[in-house]
C-alpha atoms as a PDB file:
ATOM      1  CA  MET A   1     -27.029 -20.068  -5.148  1.00  0.00           C
ATOM      2  CA  PRO A   2     -27.604 -16.280  -5.145  1.00  0.00           C
ATOM      3  CA  GLN A   3     -29.711 -15.050  -8.061  1.00  0.00           C
ATOM      4  CA  SER A   4     -29.378 -11.248  -7.753  1.00  0.00           C
ATOM      5  CA  GLU A   5     -27.151  -8.462  -6.475  1.00  0.00           C
ATOM      6  CA  PHE A   6     -29.263  -8.315  -3.307  1.00  0.00           C
ATOM      7  CA  ASP A   7     -28.736 -12.033  -2.720  1.00  0.00           C
ATOM      8  CA  ILE A   8     -24.988 -11.510  -3.099  1.00  0.00           C
ATOM      9  CA  ILE A   9     -24.990  -8.678  -0.550  1.00  0.00           C
ATOM     10  CA  LYS A  10     -27.076 -10.657   1.922  1.00  0.00           C
ATOM     11  CA  GLU A  11     -25.115 -13.898   1.632  1.00  0.00           C
ATOM     12  CA  PHE A  12     -21.534 -12.653   1.392  1.00  0.00           C
ATOM     13  CA  PHE A  13     -21.290  -9.103   2.739  1.00  0.00           C
ATOM     14  CA  ALA A  14     -24.095  -8.056   5.092  1.00  0.00           C
ATOM     15  CA  ASN A  15     -23.471  -8.889   8.766  1.00  0.00           C
ATOM     16  CA  GLN A  16     -20.228 -10.726   7.986  1.00  0.00           C
ATOM     17  CA  GLY A  17     -17.677  -8.570   9.793  1.00  0.00           C
ATOM     18  CA  LEU A  18     -17.390  -6.847  13.134  1.00  0.00           C
ATOM     19  CA  HIS A  19     -19.777  -4.114  14.312  1.00  0.00           C
ATOM     20  CA  ARG A  20     -18.290  -0.861  15.554  1.00  0.00           C
ATOM     21  CA  ASN A  21     -19.974   1.372  18.134  1.00  0.00           C
ATOM     22  CA  ASP A  22     -19.538   4.389  15.840  1.00  0.00           C
ATOM     23  CA  VAL A  23     -21.795   2.822  13.175  1.00  0.00           C
ATOM     24  CA  PRO A  24     -25.434   3.260  14.243  1.00  0.00           C
ATOM     25  CA  LEU A  25     -26.609   2.270  10.749  1.00  0.00           C
ATOM     26  CA  GLY A  26     -24.556   0.267   8.264  1.00  0.00           C
ATOM     27  CA  ILE A  27     -25.515  -1.957   5.323  1.00  0.00           C
ATOM     28  CA  GLY A  28     -29.192  -2.140   4.405  1.00  0.00           C
ATOM     29  CA  ASP A  29     -30.325   1.448   3.840  1.00  0.00           C
ATOM     30  CA  ASP A  30     -29.722   4.145   1.222  1.00  0.00           C
ATOM     31  CA  CYS A  31     -26.812   5.497   3.258  1.00  0.00           C
ATOM     32  CA  ALA A  32     -24.788   4.471   6.273  1.00  0.00           C
ATOM     33  CA  ILE A  33     -24.891   6.708   9.357  1.00  0.00           C
ATOM     34  CA  LEU A  34     -21.525   7.139  11.054  1.00  0.00           C
ATOM     35  CA  HIS A  35     -20.186   8.981  14.108  1.00  0.00           C
ATOM     36  CA  VAL A  36     -16.813  10.753  13.996  1.00  0.00           C
ATOM     37  CA  PRO A  37     -15.182  10.983  17.457  1.00  0.00           C
ATOM     38  CA  GLU A  38     -14.899  14.420  19.039  1.00  0.00           C
ATOM     39  CA  ASN A  39     -11.757  16.380  18.078  1.00  0.00           C
ATOM     40  CA  HIS A  40     -11.049  13.979  15.206  1.00  0.00           C
ATOM     41  CA  CYS A  41     -11.041  14.451  11.448  1.00  0.00           C
ATOM     42  CA  LEU A  42     -11.659  11.875   8.731  1.00  0.00           C
ATOM     43  CA  ALA A  43      -8.907  10.624   6.432  1.00  0.00           C
ATOM     44  CA  VAL A  44     -10.480   9.067   3.330  1.00  0.00           C
ATOM     45  CA  SER A  45      -9.071   7.266   0.307  1.00  0.00           C
ATOM     46  CA  THR A  46     -10.416   5.384  -2.710  1.00  0.00           C
ATOM     47  CA  ASP A  47      -8.708   2.894  -5.018  1.00  0.00           C
ATOM     48  CA  THR A  48     -10.028   0.858  -7.915  1.00  0.00           C
ATOM     49  CA  LEU A  49      -8.428  -2.458  -8.857  1.00  0.00           C
ATOM     50  CA  VAL A  50      -9.028  -3.682 -12.409  1.00  0.00           C
ATOM     51  CA  SER A  51      -8.457  -7.237 -13.617  1.00  0.00           C
ATOM     52  CA  GLY A  52      -5.358  -7.493 -15.789  1.00  0.00           C
ATOM     53  CA  VAL A  53      -4.039  -4.132 -14.561  1.00  0.00           C
ATOM     54  CA  HIS A  54      -3.775  -4.282 -10.765  1.00  0.00           C
ATOM     55  CA  PHE A  55      -3.924  -8.045 -10.418  1.00  0.00           C
ATOM     56  CA  PRO A  56      -3.537 -10.951 -12.866  1.00  0.00           C
ATOM     57  CA  ALA A  57      -6.797 -12.033 -14.486  1.00  0.00           C
ATOM     58  CA  ASP A  58      -6.243 -15.553 -13.147  1.00  0.00           C
ATOM     59  CA  ALA A  59      -5.328 -14.489  -9.594  1.00  0.00           C
ATOM     60  CA  ARG A  60      -7.022 -16.301  -6.736  1.00  0.00           C
ATOM     61  CA  ALA A  61     -10.189 -14.649  -5.441  1.00  0.00           C
ATOM     62  CA  SER A  62      -8.809 -14.723  -1.897  1.00  0.00           C
ATOM     63  CA  ASP A  63      -5.694 -12.790  -2.952  1.00  0.00           C
ATOM     64  CA  ILE A  64      -7.825 -10.232  -4.796  1.00  0.00           C
ATOM     65  CA  GLY A  65     -10.112  -9.774  -1.796  1.00  0.00           C
ATOM     66  CA  TYR A  66      -7.168  -9.280   0.542  1.00  0.00           C
ATOM     67  CA  LYS A  67      -5.239  -6.901  -1.733  1.00  0.00           C
ATOM     68  CA  ALA A  68      -8.280  -4.771  -2.569  1.00  0.00           C
ATOM     69  CA  LEU A  69      -8.474  -3.627   1.045  1.00  0.00           C
ATOM     70  CA  ALA A  70      -4.764  -3.798   1.908  1.00  0.00           C
ATOM     71  CA  VAL A  71      -3.755  -1.208  -0.698  1.00  0.00           C
ATOM     72  CA  ASN A  72      -6.324   1.246   0.662  1.00  0.00           C
ATOM     73  CA  LEU A  73      -5.206   0.645   4.231  1.00  0.00           C
ATOM     74  CA  SER A  74      -1.706   1.541   3.079  1.00  0.00           C
ATOM     75  CA  ASP A  75      -2.993   5.009   2.152  1.00  0.00           C
ATOM     76  CA  LEU A  76      -4.334   5.439   5.689  1.00  0.00           C
ATOM     77  CA  ALA A  77      -0.959   4.270   7.031  1.00  0.00           C
ATOM     78  CA  ALA A  78       0.824   6.949   4.991  1.00  0.00           C
ATOM     79  CA  MET A  79      -1.311   9.592   6.735  1.00  0.00           C
ATOM     80  CA  GLY A  80      -0.923   8.074  10.202  1.00  0.00           C
ATOM     81  CA  ALA A  81      -4.673   7.416  10.405  1.00  0.00           C
ATOM     82  CA  GLU A  82      -6.577   4.824  12.447  1.00  0.00           C
ATOM     83  CA  PRO A  83      -8.787   2.623  10.199  1.00  0.00           C
ATOM     84  CA  ALA A  84     -12.532   2.722  10.829  1.00  0.00           C
ATOM     85  CA  TRP A  85     -14.962   2.170   7.919  1.00  0.00           C
ATOM     86  CA  VAL A  86     -14.897   0.743   4.414  1.00  0.00           C
ATOM     87  CA  THR A  87     -17.267   0.635   1.439  1.00  0.00           C
ATOM     88  CA  LEU A  88     -16.962  -1.811  -1.450  1.00  0.00           C
ATOM     89  CA  ALA A  89     -18.164  -1.475  -5.059  1.00  0.00           C
ATOM     90  CA  LEU A  90     -17.791  -4.807  -6.825  1.00  0.00           C
ATOM     91  CA  THR A  91     -18.297  -5.317 -10.566  1.00  0.00           C
ATOM     92  CA  LEU A  92     -18.640  -8.980 -11.555  1.00  0.00           C
ATOM     93  CA  PRO A  93     -18.922 -10.631 -14.978  1.00  0.00           C
ATOM     94  CA  GLU A  94     -21.204 -13.311 -13.455  1.00  0.00           C
ATOM     95  CA  ILE A  95     -22.380 -14.783 -10.163  1.00  0.00           C
ATOM     96  CA  ASN A  96     -19.687 -17.256  -9.123  1.00  0.00           C
ATOM     97  CA  THR A  97     -20.469 -18.553  -5.639  1.00  0.00           C
ATOM     98  CA  PRO A  98     -17.063 -20.165  -4.831  1.00  0.00           C
ATOM     99  CA  TRP A  99     -15.260 -17.028  -6.073  1.00  0.00           C
ATOM    100  CA  LEU A 100     -17.470 -14.759  -3.953  1.00  0.00           C
ATOM    101  CA  MET A 101     -16.974 -16.932  -0.885  1.00  0.00           C
ATOM    102  CA  ASP A 102     -13.167 -16.848  -1.179  1.00  0.00           C
ATOM    103  CA  PHE A 103     -13.120 -13.128  -1.990  1.00  0.00           C
ATOM    104  CA  SER A 104     -15.373 -12.098   0.883  1.00  0.00           C
ATOM    105  CA  GLN A 105     -13.634 -14.318   3.449  1.00  0.00           C
ATOM    106  CA  ALA A 106     -10.235 -12.778   2.632  1.00  0.00           C
ATOM    107  CA  PHE A 107     -11.707  -9.258   2.542  1.00  0.00           C
ATOM    108  CA  PHE A 108     -13.221  -9.656   6.009  1.00  0.00           C
ATOM    109  CA  GLU A 109     -10.093 -11.366   7.313  1.00  0.00           C
ATOM    110  CA  ILE A 110      -8.052  -8.200   6.816  1.00  0.00           C
ATOM    111  CA  ALA A 111     -10.965  -5.874   7.688  1.00  0.00           C
ATOM    112  CA  ASN A 112     -11.427  -7.582  11.056  1.00  0.00           C
ATOM    113  CA  ARG A 113      -7.675  -7.602  11.689  1.00  0.00           C
ATOM    114  CA  TYR A 114      -7.655  -3.803  11.550  1.00  0.00           C
ATOM    115  CA  SER A 115     -11.064  -3.259  13.221  1.00  0.00           C
ATOM    116  CA  MET A 116     -12.804  -1.998  10.090  1.00  0.00           C
ATOM    117  CA  GLN A 117     -16.518  -2.321   9.418  1.00  0.00           C
ATOM    118  CA  LEU A 118     -18.006  -2.642   5.943  1.00  0.00           C
ATOM    119  CA  VAL A 119     -20.752   0.006   5.923  1.00  0.00           C
ATOM    120  CA  GLY A 120     -21.995  -0.032   2.326  1.00  0.00           C
ATOM    121  CA  GLY A 121     -21.212  -0.334  -1.341  1.00  0.00           C
ATOM    122  CA  ASP A 122     -22.612  -1.592  -4.620  1.00  0.00           C
ATOM    123  CA  ILE A 123     -22.767  -4.724  -6.792  1.00  0.00           C
ATOM    124  CA  THR A 124     -22.934  -4.407 -10.592  1.00  0.00           C
ATOM    125  CA  ARG A 125     -22.392  -6.608 -13.635  1.00  0.00           C
ATOM    126  CA  GLY A 126     -19.482  -6.051 -16.018  1.00  0.00           C
ATOM    127  CA  PRO A 127     -15.716  -6.681 -16.369  1.00  0.00           C
ATOM    128  CA  LEU A 128     -14.182  -7.595 -13.017  1.00  0.00           C
ATOM    129  CA  SER A 129     -13.139  -4.556 -10.983  1.00  0.00           C
ATOM    130  CA  ILE A 130     -13.150  -3.656  -7.314  1.00  0.00           C
ATOM    131  CA  SER A 131     -13.454  -0.139  -5.875  1.00  0.00           C
ATOM    132  CA  VAL A 132     -12.778   0.327  -2.176  1.00  0.00           C
ATOM    133  CA  HIS A 133     -13.285   3.506  -0.148  1.00  0.00           C
ATOM    134  CA  VAL A 134     -11.738   3.627   3.329  1.00  0.00           C
ATOM    135  CA  SER A 135     -12.162   6.112   6.165  1.00  0.00           C
ATOM    136  CA  GLY A 136      -9.946   6.530   9.193  1.00  0.00           C
ATOM    137  CA  PHE A 137      -9.557   8.894  12.157  1.00  0.00           C
ATOM    138  CA  LEU A 138      -6.927  11.525  12.828  1.00  0.00           C
ATOM    139  CA  LEU A 139      -6.709  13.974  15.695  1.00  0.00           C
ATOM    140  CA  CYS A 140      -7.540  17.333  14.129  1.00  0.00           C
ATOM    141  CA  GLY A 141      -4.293  19.072  13.210  1.00  0.00           C
ATOM    142  CA  ALA A 142      -2.263  15.854  13.389  1.00  0.00           C
ATOM    143  CA  GLY A 143      -1.304  13.308  10.753  1.00  0.00           C
ATOM    144  CA  LEU A 144       1.267  12.986   7.991  1.00  0.00           C
ATOM    145  CA  THR A 145       1.281  14.685   4.589  1.00  0.00           C
ATOM    146  CA  ARG A 146       3.512  14.852   1.523  1.00  0.00           C
ATOM    147  CA  HIS A 147       4.377  18.533   1.841  1.00  0.00           C
ATOM    148  CA  GLY A 148       6.500  18.784   5.000  1.00  0.00           C
ATOM    149  CA  ALA A 149       9.963  17.684   3.804  1.00  0.00           C
ATOM    150  CA  ARG A 150      12.773  20.220   4.223  1.00  0.00           C
ATOM    151  CA  ALA A 151      16.408  20.361   3.138  1.00  0.00           C
ATOM    152  CA  GLY A 152      18.537  18.315   5.513  1.00  0.00           C
ATOM    153  CA  ASP A 153      15.801  15.812   6.374  1.00  0.00           C
ATOM    154  CA  ARG A 154      16.805  12.167   6.056  1.00  0.00           C
ATOM    155  CA  ILE A 155      14.830   9.810   3.799  1.00  0.00           C
ATOM    156  CA  PHE A 156      13.711   6.427   5.138  1.00  0.00           C
ATOM    157  CA  VAL A 157      11.807   3.423   3.847  1.00  0.00           C
ATOM    158  CA  SER A 158      10.235   0.561   5.761  1.00  0.00           C
ATOM    159  CA  GLY A 159      10.831  -3.117   4.999  1.00  0.00           C
ATOM    160  CA  ASN A 160      12.435  -4.178   1.725  1.00  0.00           C
ATOM    161  CA  ILE A 161      11.839  -2.511  -1.619  1.00  0.00           C
ATOM    162  CA  GLY A 162      11.237  -4.275  -4.930  1.00  0.00           C
ATOM    163  CA  ASP A 163       9.865  -7.576  -3.640  1.00  0.00           C
ATOM    164  CA  ALA A 164       6.394  -7.022  -5.114  1.00  0.00           C
ATOM    165  CA  GLY A 165       7.973  -6.445  -8.523  1.00  0.00           C
ATOM    166  CA  LEU A 166      10.021  -9.581  -7.979  1.00  0.00           C
ATOM    167  CA  GLY A 167       6.814 -11.426  -7.084  1.00  0.00           C
ATOM    168  CA  LEU A 168       5.129 -10.257 -10.290  1.00  0.00           C
ATOM    169  CA  LEU A 169       8.090 -11.408 -12.394  1.00  0.00           C
ATOM    170  CA  THR A 170       7.886 -14.736 -10.571  1.00  0.00           C
ATOM    171  CA  TYR A 171       4.148 -15.055 -11.190  1.00  0.00           C
ATOM    172  CA  GLU A 172       4.673 -14.304 -14.870  1.00  0.00           C
ATOM    173  CA  LYS A 173       7.512 -16.884 -15.016  1.00  0.00           C
ATOM    174  CA  LYS A 174       9.977 -14.291 -16.277  1.00  0.00           C
ATOM    175  CA  ILE A 175      12.699 -15.375 -13.847  1.00  0.00           C
ATOM    176  CA  VAL A 176      14.039 -18.764 -12.807  1.00  0.00           C
ATOM    177  CA  TRP A 177      14.413 -19.544  -9.110  1.00  0.00           C
ATOM    178  CA  PRO A 178      16.902 -22.154  -7.860  1.00  0.00           C
ATOM    179  CA  GLU A 179      14.914 -25.175  -6.658  1.00  0.00           C
ATOM    180  CA  GLN A 180      16.332 -24.917  -3.133  1.00  0.00           C
ATOM    181  CA  GLN A 181      14.964 -21.355  -2.753  1.00  0.00           C
ATOM    182  CA  PHE A 182      11.293 -22.333  -2.605  1.00  0.00           C
ATOM    183  CA  GLU A 183      10.630 -20.324   0.577  1.00  0.00           C
ATOM    184  CA  LEU A 184      12.157 -17.140  -0.836  1.00  0.00           C
ATOM    185  CA  LYS A 185      10.120 -17.586  -4.010  1.00  0.00           C
ATOM    186  CA  LYS A 186       6.986 -17.993  -1.890  1.00  0.00           C
ATOM    187  CA  GLN A 187       7.819 -14.835   0.069  1.00  0.00           C
ATOM    188  CA  ALA A 188       8.154 -12.811  -3.147  1.00  0.00           C
ATOM    189  CA  LEU A 189       4.807 -14.058  -4.460  1.00  0.00           C
ATOM    190  CA  ASN A 190       3.191 -13.300  -1.116  1.00  0.00           C
ATOM    191  CA  LYS A 191       4.589  -9.747  -1.144  1.00  0.00           C
ATOM    192  CA  PHE A 192       2.927  -9.164  -4.526  1.00  0.00           C
ATOM    193  CA  HIS A 193      -0.440 -10.726  -3.678  1.00  0.00           C
ATOM    194  CA  ARG A 194      -0.707  -9.849   0.019  1.00  0.00           C
ATOM    195  CA  PRO A 195       1.119  -6.637   0.994  1.00  0.00           C
ATOM    196  CA  VAL A 196       1.103  -5.663   4.666  1.00  0.00           C
ATOM    197  CA  PRO A 197      -0.075  -2.080   5.320  1.00  0.00           C
ATOM    198  CA  ARG A 198       2.273  -0.290   7.743  1.00  0.00           C
ATOM    199  CA  LEU A 199      -0.468   1.137   9.947  1.00  0.00           C
ATOM    200  CA  ALA A 200       1.344   0.902  13.280  1.00  0.00           C
ATOM    201  CA  LEU A 201       4.442   2.558  11.854  1.00  0.00           C
ATOM    202  CA  GLY A 202       2.428   5.334  10.187  1.00  0.00           C
ATOM    203  CA  ALA A 203       0.658   6.174  13.424  1.00  0.00           C
ATOM    204  CA  ALA A 204       3.898   6.040  15.424  1.00  0.00           C
ATOM    205  CA  ILE A 205       5.878   8.437  13.231  1.00  0.00           C
ATOM    206  CA  CYS A 206       3.275  11.210  13.474  1.00  0.00           C
ATOM    207  CA  GLY A 207       5.173  14.058  15.138  1.00  0.00           C
ATOM    208  CA  ILE A 208       8.525  12.507  14.181  1.00  0.00           C
ATOM    209  CA  ALA A 209       8.380  12.368  10.368  1.00  0.00           C
ATOM    210  CA  SER A 210       8.069  15.584   8.357  1.00  0.00           C
ATOM    211  CA  SER A 211       6.383  13.901   5.355  1.00  0.00           C
ATOM    212  CA  ALA A 212       5.301  10.450   4.223  1.00  0.00           C
ATOM    213  CA  ILE A 213       3.843   8.459   1.328  1.00  0.00           C
ATOM    214  CA  ASP A 214       3.215   4.796   0.621  1.00  0.00           C
ATOM    215  CA  VAL A 215       5.189   3.094  -2.154  1.00  0.00           C
ATOM    216  CA  SER A 216       2.518   2.071  -4.644  1.00  0.00           C
ATOM    217  CA  ASP A 217       3.670   3.276  -8.087  1.00  0.00           C
ATOM    218  CA  GLY A 218       7.406   2.860  -7.504  1.00  0.00           C
ATOM    219  CA  LEU A 219       9.837   4.387  -5.013  1.00  0.00           C
ATOM    220  CA  ALA A 220      11.152   6.991  -7.461  1.00  0.00           C
ATOM    221  CA  ALA A 221       7.675   8.116  -8.545  1.00  0.00           C
ATOM    222  CA  ASP A 222       6.303   8.252  -5.011  1.00  0.00           C
ATOM    223  CA  LEU A 223       9.336  10.030  -3.550  1.00  0.00           C
ATOM    224  CA  ASN A 224       8.968  12.536  -6.387  1.00  0.00           C
ATOM    225  CA  HIS A 225       5.434  13.268  -5.137  1.00  0.00           C
ATOM    226  CA  ILE A 226       6.942  14.298  -1.799  1.00  0.00           C
ATOM    227  CA  LEU A 227       9.565  16.441  -3.537  1.00  0.00           C
ATOM    228  CA  GLU A 228       6.983  18.208  -5.695  1.00  0.00           C
ATOM    229  CA  ALA A 229       4.622  18.817  -2.774  1.00  0.00           C
ATOM    230  CA  SER A 230       7.484  20.035  -0.562  1.00  0.00           C
ATOM    231  CA  ASP A 231       9.192  22.119  -3.283  1.00  0.00           C
ATOM    232  CA  CYS A 232      12.590  20.496  -2.808  1.00  0.00           C
ATOM    233  CA  GLY A 233      14.893  17.808  -4.180  1.00  0.00           C
ATOM    234  CA  ALA A 234      16.641  14.687  -2.926  1.00  0.00           C
ATOM    235  CA  LYS A 235      19.683  12.500  -3.326  1.00  0.00           C
ATOM    236  CA  VAL A 236      19.198   8.744  -2.897  1.00  0.00           C
ATOM    237  CA  ASP A 237      22.012   6.222  -2.508  1.00  0.00           C
ATOM    238  CA  LEU A 238      20.745   3.174  -4.408  1.00  0.00           C
ATOM    239  CA  GLY A 239      23.180   0.950  -2.538  1.00  0.00           C
ATOM    240  CA  ARG A 240      21.365   1.743   0.722  1.00  0.00           C
ATOM    241  CA  VAL A 241      17.876   0.849  -0.513  1.00  0.00           C
ATOM    242  CA  PRO A 242      17.080  -2.392   1.369  1.00  0.00           C
ATOM    243  CA  VAL A 243      16.417  -5.516  -0.697  1.00  0.00           C
ATOM    244  CA  SER A 244      15.497  -9.054   0.278  1.00  0.00           C
ATOM    245  CA  LYS A 245      17.732 -12.116   0.175  1.00  0.00           C
ATOM    246  CA  GLY A 246      15.735 -13.379  -2.796  1.00  0.00           C
ATOM    247  CA  MET A 247      16.523 -10.221  -4.761  1.00  0.00           C
ATOM    248  CA  SER A 248      20.225 -10.615  -4.003  1.00  0.00           C
ATOM    249  CA  ILE A 249      20.247 -14.281  -5.057  1.00  0.00           C
ATOM    250  CA  LEU A 250      18.623 -13.461  -8.415  1.00  0.00           C
ATOM    251  CA  ASN A 251      20.865 -10.459  -9.029  1.00  0.00           C
ATOM    252  CA  ASN A 252      22.185 -11.796 -12.353  1.00  0.00           C
ATOM    253  CA  GLN A 253      18.635 -12.045 -13.788  1.00  0.00           C
ATOM    254  CA  LEU A 254      17.446  -8.615 -12.669  1.00  0.00           C
ATOM    255  CA  ASP A 255      17.955  -4.930 -13.310  1.00  0.00           C
ATOM    256  CA  ILE A 256      17.875  -4.324  -9.580  1.00  0.00           C
ATOM    257  CA  TYR A 257      18.044  -0.523  -9.672  1.00  0.00           C
ATOM    258  CA  SER A 258      15.064  -0.300 -12.030  1.00  0.00           C
ATOM    259  CA  LEU A 259      13.171  -2.891  -9.994  1.00  0.00           C
ATOM    260  CA  ILE A 260      13.605  -1.184  -6.624  1.00  0.00           C
ATOM    261  CA  MET A 261      12.923   2.327  -7.930  1.00  0.00           C
ATOM    262  CA  SER A 262      10.195   1.714 -10.520  1.00  0.00           C
ATOM    263  CA  ALA A 263       8.346  -1.571  -9.930  1.00  0.00           C
ATOM    264  CA  GLY A 264       5.838  -0.423  -7.291  1.00  0.00           C
ATOM    265  CA  ASP A 265       3.188  -2.404  -5.398  1.00  0.00           C
ATOM    266  CA  ASP A 266       5.383  -2.772  -2.279  1.00  0.00           C
ATOM    267  CA  TYR A 267       3.093  -0.643  -0.060  1.00  0.00           C
ATOM    268  CA  GLU A 268       5.970   0.131   2.266  1.00  0.00           C
ATOM    269  CA  LEU A 269       6.263   3.651   3.672  1.00  0.00           C
ATOM    270  CA  CYS A 270       8.725   6.243   2.400  1.00  0.00           C
ATOM    271  CA  PHE A 271       9.121   9.151   4.816  1.00  0.00           C
ATOM    272  CA  THR A 272      11.411  12.000   5.780  1.00  0.00           C
ATOM    273  CA  VAL A 273      12.719  12.788   9.248  1.00  0.00           C
ATOM    274  CA  PRO A 274      14.494  15.926  10.540  1.00  0.00           C
ATOM    275  CA  GLU A 275      17.938  15.149  11.912  1.00  0.00           C
ATOM    276  CA  ASN A 276      16.961  16.019  15.496  1.00  0.00           C
ATOM    277  CA  ASN A 277      14.237  13.306  15.395  1.00  0.00           C
ATOM    278  CA  ILE A 278      16.485  10.440  14.230  1.00  0.00           C
ATOM    279  CA  ASN A 279      17.055   9.078  17.745  1.00  0.00           C
ATOM    280  CA  ALA A 280      13.318   9.137  18.464  1.00  0.00           C
ATOM    281  CA  LEU A 281      12.693   7.223  15.224  1.00  0.00           C
ATOM    282  CA  SER A 282      15.268   4.589  16.170  1.00  0.00           C
ATOM    283  CA  HIS A 283      13.672   4.150  19.583  1.00  0.00           C
ATOM    284  CA  LEU A 284      10.121   3.697  18.297  1.00  0.00           C
ATOM    285  CA  THR A 285      11.069   1.340  15.453  1.00  0.00           C
ATOM    286  CA  ASN A 286      12.916  -0.853  17.953  1.00  0.00           C
ATOM    287  CA  GLN A 287       9.760  -0.903  20.072  1.00  0.00           C
ATOM    288  CA  LEU A 288       7.586  -1.785  17.073  1.00  0.00           C
ATOM    289  CA  GLY A 289      10.041  -4.332  15.700  1.00  0.00           C
ATOM    290  CA  VAL A 290       9.803  -2.698  12.246  1.00  0.00           C
ATOM    291  CA  LYS A 291      12.804  -2.447   9.952  1.00  0.00           C
ATOM    292  CA  VAL A 292      13.442   1.028   8.536  1.00  0.00           C
ATOM    293  CA  SER A 293      16.444   2.063   6.445  1.00  0.00           C
ATOM    294  CA  GLU A 294      17.934   5.457   5.697  1.00  0.00           C
ATOM    295  CA  ILE A 295      18.415   5.798   1.928  1.00  0.00           C
ATOM    296  CA  GLY A 296      19.150   9.452   1.259  1.00  0.00           C
ATOM    297  CA  LYS A 297      18.713  13.094   2.106  1.00  0.00           C
ATOM    298  CA  ILE A 298      16.436  15.976   1.144  1.00  0.00           C
ATOM    299  CA  GLN A 299      18.218  18.891  -0.535  1.00  0.00           C
ATOM    300  CA  LYS A 300      17.283  22.365  -1.764  1.00  0.00           C
ATOM    301  CA  LYS A 301      18.194  21.673  -5.393  1.00  0.00           C
ATOM    302  CA  LYS A 302      15.083  20.441  -7.219  1.00  0.00           C
ATOM    303  CA  GLY A 303      14.882  16.977  -8.735  1.00  0.00           C
ATOM    304  CA  LEU A 304      15.658  13.416  -7.681  1.00  0.00           C
ATOM    305  CA  GLN A 305      19.327  12.469  -7.902  1.00  0.00           C
ATOM    306  CA  LEU A 306      20.121   8.751  -7.882  1.00  0.00           C
ATOM    307  CA  ASP A 307      23.618   7.653  -6.958  1.00  0.00           C
ATOM    308  CA  ALA A 308      25.344   4.257  -6.934  1.00  0.00           C
ATOM    309  CA  GLN A 309      28.932   3.865  -5.748  1.00  0.00           C
ATOM    310  CA  GLY A 310      29.603   7.524  -6.377  1.00  0.00           C
ATOM    311  CA  GLN A 311      28.168   7.512  -9.887  1.00  0.00           C
ATOM    312  CA  ALA A 312      24.931   9.150 -11.059  1.00  0.00           C
ATOM    313  CA  VAL A 313      22.320   6.675 -12.314  1.00  0.00           C
ATOM    314  CA  ALA A 314      19.546   7.424 -14.802  1.00  0.00           C
ATOM    315  CA  LEU A 315      16.469   5.191 -14.975  1.00  0.00           C
ATOM    316  CA  PRO A 316      14.469   4.621 -18.175  1.00  0.00           C
ATOM    317  CA  CYS A 317      11.215   4.592 -16.195  1.00  0.00           C
ATOM    318  CA  PHE A 318      10.260   6.374 -12.962  1.00  0.00           C
ATOM    319  CA  GLY A 319       7.196   4.320 -12.071  1.00  0.00           C
ATOM    320  CA  PHE A 320       3.692   3.254 -13.058  1.00  0.00           C
ATOM    321  CA  ASP A 321       1.256   5.580 -14.856  1.00  0.00           C
ATOM    322  CA  HIS A 322      -2.121   4.354 -16.141  1.00  0.00           C
ATOM    323  CA  PHE A 323      -2.065   6.712 -19.115  1.00  0.00           C
ATOM    324  CA  LYS A 324       1.601   6.601 -20.031  1.00  0.00           C
ATOM    325  CA  THR A 325       2.198   5.966 -23.733  1.00  0.00           C
ATOM    326  CA  VAL A 326       4.937   3.550 -24.716  1.00  0.00           C
END
């Protein structure tokens, strides 16, 4: 059993994943030494996950390890970046060998899937939290941002929206699933615990999309970030926002509009596309086999207008905020 932070690093994190050619020096020194390819820039992002806030305190270690990296990869996807390196700062209340084994195995499972190398980090003692810093490559001058949307652009989302919120409600036993819908219930839980970063889609829509963001705090809140950065407004048809079969089945137990616009944690992409690029988008999404849905349009008038069956809809909450007072 490991007795110190250095034992933990050696047993569970050093030399566990793949080794990239652009990492001449990784774990084991005061700093990593890394090579950025010629004519490329770095896209970097950091997220901290805190027990009881970003994941349930009793969540499985393997789900925590997976999600800790997946949510950061989603940020790279929103920029159209190619994943490369990751650092991990892990704060633990105690040394728990089975927990560390499950956490690290799931972390490296997704890191290896996307060709990422763990190049450093830190281990400390305290309340459980995980901070992950990811780096990816972009051709200089390329990539997606939040500030390119223009009036007339169409608004798209990938996948289905609201399933992570549905998964959280399921985990908290706040909804009742019909017994015969076990698979749909499992899919909702999996969407909450193990989101899939849309890296291939993000890279493919570079040059086609005018702006992009990942849906982490809620579709309304994240789309608003695009609108603020782009100095414009939008109209969204709530009836066109794609939802899963499970969401439709549980319709009578849910406030679906609030769930799809405010729940967050889906880590799908929301992006805007000029009208003359719509055919190109359709072609590439067919090639990738990724579902995307048009849900609205960018307009000059500021603000986010939500519409359902021709009627304006107002939501009590526009998304997650760590410091929001109730």
